[in-house]
Amino acid sequence: MKLIQLLKLKKRKKSVKNKVNIYDDPLHKIEIHEKECAQRYKNIEERLESGSKRFDKLENMIWGVYPFIVISVVLAKFL
């Protein structure tokens, strides 16, 4: 009985060894890596765009403050 079980176990091990795991294939790993990198770069690009919009808004706010600074300096000289 034990001999039969050992033979079955050996057959299972051989069949598992013979199966090719597509996830171990280097080309498949590179393809997965490229997909992940493409998604990361897309996210980075989106974040840069939103950051650029925020900086444009801040720049406009700063330019809006300049006239008040000039006016306050001029008023301080005359008062």
N, C-alpha and C. Protein backbone atom coordinates (compact mmCIF):
# COMPACT_ATOMS: atom_id res chain seq x y z
N MET A 1 0.82 -1.20 0.00
CA MET A 1 0.00 0.00 0.00
C MET A 1 0.86 1.26 0.00
N LYS A 2 1.92 1.25 0.79
CA LYS A 2 2.77 2.42 0.85
C LYS A 2 3.51 2.64 -0.47
N LEU A 3 3.86 1.60 -1.12
CA LEU A 3 4.55 1.70 -2.39
C LEU A 3 3.68 2.40 -3.43
N ILE A 4 2.41 2.08 -3.45
CA ILE A 4 1.47 2.70 -4.39
C ILE A 4 1.33 4.20 -4.08
N GLN A 5 1.26 4.53 -2.81
CA GLN A 5 1.15 5.94 -2.42
C GLN A 5 2.41 6.71 -2.82
N LEU A 6 3.56 6.09 -2.63
CA LEU A 6 4.81 6.74 -3.02
C LEU A 6 4.86 6.97 -4.53
N LEU A 7 4.43 6.00 -5.29
CA LEU A 7 4.42 6.15 -6.75
C LEU A 7 3.46 7.27 -7.18
N LYS A 8 2.30 7.33 -6.54
CA LYS A 8 1.34 8.40 -6.87
C LYS A 8 1.92 9.77 -6.52
N LEU A 9 2.60 9.83 -5.38
CA LEU A 9 3.20 11.09 -4.95
C LEU A 9 4.29 11.53 -5.93
N LYS A 10 5.09 10.59 -6.40
CA LYS A 10 6.14 10.90 -7.37
C LYS A 10 5.53 11.39 -8.68
N LYS A 11 4.44 10.76 -9.10
CA LYS A 11 3.76 11.18 -10.33
C LYS A 11 3.25 12.61 -10.20
N ARG A 12 2.68 12.93 -9.03
CA ARG A 12 2.17 14.28 -8.79
C ARG A 12 3.30 15.31 -8.85
N LYS A 13 4.41 14.97 -8.23
CA LYS A 13 5.55 15.89 -8.23
C LYS A 13 6.07 16.11 -9.64
N LYS A 14 6.13 15.06 -10.43
CA LYS A 14 6.59 15.19 -11.80
C LYS A 14 5.62 16.03 -12.62
N SER A 15 4.34 15.82 -12.42
CA SER A 15 3.37 16.58 -13.20
C SER A 15 3.41 18.06 -12.81
N VAL A 16 3.66 18.33 -11.54
CA VAL A 16 3.77 19.72 -11.10
C VAL A 16 5.03 20.35 -11.69
N LYS A 17 6.12 19.59 -11.74
CA LYS A 17 7.36 20.11 -12.31
C LYS A 17 7.22 20.38 -13.80
N ASN A 18 6.47 19.55 -14.49
CA ASN A 18 6.33 19.69 -15.93
C ASN A 18 5.44 20.86 -16.32
N LYS A 19 4.57 21.28 -15.43
CA LYS A 19 3.69 22.41 -15.74
C LYS A 19 4.51 23.69 -15.77
N VAL A 20 4.29 24.48 -16.77
CA VAL A 20 5.00 25.75 -16.90
C VAL A 20 4.13 26.82 -16.27
N ASN A 21 4.69 27.49 -15.30
CA ASN A 21 3.98 28.58 -14.66
C ASN A 21 4.22 29.85 -15.47
N ILE A 22 3.16 30.42 -16.03
CA ILE A 22 3.33 31.60 -16.88
C ILE A 22 3.84 32.78 -16.08
N TYR A 23 3.64 32.78 -14.78
CA TYR A 23 4.09 33.90 -13.95
C TYR A 23 5.60 33.84 -13.71
N ASP A 24 6.24 32.72 -13.99
CA ASP A 24 7.68 32.60 -13.85
C ASP A 24 8.40 32.95 -15.15
N ASP A 25 7.65 33.11 -16.22
CA ASP A 25 8.23 33.44 -17.51
C ASP A 25 8.76 34.87 -17.47
N PRO A 26 10.04 35.09 -17.79
CA PRO A 26 10.62 36.44 -17.73
C PRO A 26 9.89 37.45 -18.62
N LEU A 27 9.48 37.02 -19.80
CA LEU A 27 8.77 37.92 -20.70
C LEU A 27 7.45 38.36 -20.08
N HIS A 28 6.76 37.45 -19.45
CA HIS A 28 5.49 37.78 -18.80
C HIS A 28 5.73 38.75 -17.64
N LYS A 29 6.80 38.52 -16.90
CA LYS A 29 7.12 39.43 -15.78
C LYS A 29 7.41 40.83 -16.30
N ILE A 30 8.11 40.93 -17.42
CA ILE A 30 8.41 42.24 -17.99
C ILE A 30 7.13 42.92 -18.46
N GLU A 31 6.23 42.17 -19.06
CA GLU A 31 4.96 42.74 -19.52
C GLU A 31 4.15 43.28 -18.35
N ILE A 32 4.11 42.52 -17.27
CA ILE A 32 3.40 42.97 -16.07
C ILE A 32 4.05 44.24 -15.54
N HIS A 33 5.38 44.25 -15.50
CA HIS A 33 6.12 45.41 -15.00
C HIS A 33 5.84 46.64 -15.86
N GLU A 34 5.80 46.47 -17.16
CA GLU A 34 5.51 47.59 -18.06
C GLU A 34 4.11 48.15 -17.83
N LYS A 35 3.15 47.27 -17.62
CA LYS A 35 1.78 47.72 -17.35
C LYS A 35 1.71 48.52 -16.06
N GLU A 36 2.38 48.03 -15.02
CA GLU A 36 2.37 48.73 -13.74
C GLU A 36 3.07 50.09 -13.86
N CYS A 37 4.18 50.13 -14.57
CA CYS A 37 4.90 51.40 -14.74
C CYS A 37 4.06 52.39 -15.54
N ALA A 38 3.38 51.91 -16.56
CA ALA A 38 2.53 52.80 -17.36
C ALA A 38 1.44 53.42 -16.48
N GLN A 39 0.85 52.62 -15.62
CA GLN A 39 -0.17 53.14 -14.71
C GLN A 39 0.43 54.15 -13.74
N ARG A 40 1.61 53.85 -13.22
CA ARG A 40 2.28 54.79 -12.29
C ARG A 40 2.57 56.10 -12.98
N TYR A 41 3.12 56.05 -14.19
CA TYR A 41 3.44 57.28 -14.91
C TYR A 41 2.19 58.08 -15.23
N LYS A 42 1.11 57.39 -15.52
CA LYS A 42 -0.16 58.08 -15.77
C LYS A 42 -0.61 58.82 -14.51
N ASN A 43 -0.51 58.15 -13.36
CA ASN A 43 -0.89 58.79 -12.10
C ASN A 43 0.02 59.97 -11.77
N ILE A 44 1.32 59.82 -12.03
CA ILE A 44 2.26 60.91 -11.78
C ILE A 44 1.92 62.11 -12.67
N GLU A 45 1.62 61.84 -13.92
CA GLU A 45 1.27 62.92 -14.85
C GLU A 45 0.01 63.65 -14.39
N GLU A 46 -0.99 62.91 -13.93
CA GLU A 46 -2.22 63.53 -13.43
C GLU A 46 -1.93 64.40 -12.21
N ARG A 47 -1.09 63.91 -11.32
CA ARG A 47 -0.75 64.68 -10.12
C ARG A 47 0.02 65.94 -10.48
N LEU A 48 0.91 65.85 -11.46
CA LEU A 48 1.65 67.03 -11.89
C LEU A 48 0.71 68.07 -12.50
N GLU A 49 -0.25 67.61 -13.27
CA GLU A 49 -1.22 68.53 -13.87
C GLU A 49 -2.04 69.24 -12.80
N SER A 50 -2.51 68.49 -11.80
CA SER A 50 -3.31 69.12 -10.74
C SER A 50 -2.44 70.07 -9.92
N GLY A 51 -1.17 69.73 -9.71
CA GLY A 51 -0.26 70.61 -8.99
C GLY A 51 0.02 71.87 -9.78
N SER A 52 0.13 71.75 -11.08
CA SER A 52 0.35 72.91 -11.94
C SER A 52 -0.83 73.87 -11.86
N LYS A 53 -2.03 73.33 -11.85
CA LYS A 53 -3.22 74.17 -11.74
C LYS A 53 -3.23 74.91 -10.41
N ARG A 54 -2.85 74.21 -9.33
CA ARG A 54 -2.80 74.86 -8.02
C ARG A 54 -1.77 75.98 -7.99
N PHE A 55 -0.60 75.74 -8.60
CA PHE A 55 0.42 76.78 -8.61
C PHE A 55 -0.02 77.98 -9.44
N ASP A 56 -0.74 77.75 -10.52
CA ASP A 56 -1.27 78.86 -11.31
C ASP A 56 -2.23 79.69 -10.46
N LYS A 57 -3.05 79.02 -9.68
CA LYS A 57 -4.00 79.72 -8.82
C LYS A 57 -3.24 80.54 -7.76
N LEU A 58 -2.21 79.96 -7.16
CA LEU A 58 -1.42 80.68 -6.16
C LEU A 58 -0.70 81.88 -6.79
N GLU A 59 -0.18 81.69 -8.00
CA GLU A 59 0.50 82.79 -8.68
C GLU A 59 -0.46 83.95 -8.91
N ASN A 60 -1.67 83.65 -9.33
CA ASN A 60 -2.67 84.71 -9.54
C ASN A 60 -3.02 85.40 -8.24
N MET A 61 -3.08 84.65 -7.16
CA MET A 61 -3.36 85.27 -5.86
C MET A 61 -2.23 86.20 -5.44
N ILE A 62 -1.00 85.81 -5.69
CA ILE A 62 0.15 86.65 -5.34
C ILE A 62 0.13 87.93 -6.16
N TRP A 63 -0.15 87.81 -7.46
CA TRP A 63 -0.23 89.00 -8.30
C TRP A 63 -1.37 89.91 -7.84
N GLY A 64 -2.40 89.34 -7.29
CA GLY A 64 -3.51 90.14 -6.77
C GLY A 64 -3.15 90.89 -5.51
N VAL A 65 -2.18 90.41 -4.76
CA VAL A 65 -1.77 91.07 -3.51
C VAL A 65 -0.82 92.23 -3.78
N TYR A 66 -0.06 92.19 -4.86
CA TYR A 66 0.92 93.24 -5.16
C TYR A 66 0.33 94.65 -5.19
N PRO A 67 -0.81 94.86 -5.85
CA PRO A 67 -1.37 96.23 -5.85
C PRO A 67 -1.68 96.73 -4.43
N PHE A 68 -2.14 95.85 -3.56
CA PHE A 68 -2.43 96.27 -2.20
C PHE A 68 -1.16 96.66 -1.45
N ILE A 69 -0.08 95.97 -1.72
CA ILE A 69 1.19 96.30 -1.09
C ILE A 69 1.67 97.67 -1.57
N VAL A 70 1.61 97.90 -2.86
CA VAL A 70 2.05 99.18 -3.42
C VAL A 70 1.18 100.31 -2.87
N ILE A 71 -0.12 100.11 -2.85
CA ILE A 71 -1.04 101.15 -2.35
C ILE A 71 -0.77 101.43 -0.88
N SER A 72 -0.52 100.39 -0.09
CA SER A 72 -0.27 100.61 1.34
C SER A 72 1.05 101.35 1.56
N VAL A 73 2.07 101.11 0.73
CA VAL A 73 3.34 101.83 0.85
C VAL A 73 3.14 103.30 0.48
N VAL A 74 2.40 103.54 -0.59
CA VAL A 74 2.15 104.92 -1.03
C VAL A 74 1.33 105.64 0.02
N LEU A 75 0.30 105.02 0.57
CA LEU A 75 -0.51 105.67 1.60
C LEU A 75 0.29 105.93 2.87
N ALA A 76 1.22 105.06 3.21
CA ALA A 76 2.02 105.25 4.41
C ALA A 76 2.94 106.47 4.26
N LYS A 77 3.41 106.75 3.04
CA LYS A 77 4.27 107.93 2.82
C LYS A 77 3.48 109.22 2.93
N PHE A 78 2.22 109.22 2.48
CA PHE A 78 1.42 110.43 2.49
C PHE A 78 0.73 110.68 3.83
N LEU A 79 0.59 109.70 4.64
CA LEU A 79 -0.08 109.89 5.93
C LEU A 79 0.91 110.16 6.97
